[in-house]
């Protein structure tokens, strides 16, 4: 039986958290999507509202 020593590399990573606030201006578009799903399914519509 043989034993082999293998070097192991350990790496540590530190991240910096950054939060920014900005005022943006511009036109906002709203899009309505039509589907073929029946209203009786209880599936939420495009606004996230459930019909049940």
Protein backbone atom coordinates (compact mmCIF):
# COMPACT_ATOMS: atom_id res chain seq x y z
CA UNK A 1 0.00 0.00 0.00
CA UNK A 2 1.28 3.47 -0.91
CA UNK A 3 0.43 6.85 0.54
CA UNK A 4 0.74 9.93 -1.65
CA UNK A 5 0.95 13.44 -0.19
CA UNK A 6 -0.86 15.96 -2.38
CA UNK A 7 -0.62 19.72 -1.72
CA UNK A 8 -3.93 21.46 -1.14
CA UNK A 9 -4.47 25.11 -2.00
CA UNK A 10 -6.90 27.01 0.19
CA UNK A 11 -8.36 30.27 -1.06
CA UNK A 12 -10.41 32.76 0.93
CA UNK A 13 -12.54 35.35 -0.79
CA UNK A 14 -13.91 38.44 0.88
CA UNK A 15 -16.58 40.55 -0.79
CA UNK A 16 -17.46 44.15 -0.21
CA UNK A 17 -21.13 45.02 0.06
CA UNK A 18 -22.08 48.34 -1.48
CA UNK A 19 -25.49 50.01 -1.58
CA UNK A 20 -26.20 53.06 -3.71
CA UNK A 21 -29.30 55.14 -4.19
CA UNK A 22 -30.03 57.11 -7.34
CA UNK A 23 -32.97 59.01 -8.77
CA UNK A 24 -33.73 57.97 -12.30
CA UNK A 25 -35.98 59.72 -14.73
CA UNK A 26 -37.58 58.48 -17.89
CA UNK A 27 -40.67 56.94 -19.37
CA UNK A 28 -42.06 53.81 -17.77
CA UNK A 29 -43.90 51.40 -20.02
CA UNK A 30 -46.59 49.04 -18.84
CA UNK A 31 -47.30 45.94 -20.87
CA UNK A 32 -50.35 43.72 -20.64
CA UNK A 33 -49.98 40.08 -21.65
CA UNK A 34 -52.93 38.11 -22.95
CA UNK A 35 -53.06 34.37 -22.25
CA UNK A 36 -55.29 31.49 -23.24
CA UNK A 37 -55.60 30.27 -19.63
CA UNK A 38 -59.11 30.12 -18.22
CA UNK A 39 -59.97 32.24 -15.15
CA UNK A 40 -61.21 29.10 -13.37
CA UNK A 41 -57.71 27.71 -12.83
CA UNK A 42 -56.84 29.87 -9.81
CA UNK A 43 -53.59 30.92 -11.47
CA UNK A 44 -52.37 34.41 -10.62
CA UNK A 45 -52.72 36.98 -13.38
CA UNK A 46 -49.96 39.31 -14.60
CA UNK A 47 -50.42 41.60 -11.57
CA UNK A 48 -49.77 38.72 -9.18
CA UNK A 49 -53.38 38.65 -7.97
CA UNK A 50 -55.09 35.28 -7.72
CA UNK A 51 -58.70 35.08 -8.85
CA UNK A 52 -59.55 32.87 -5.85
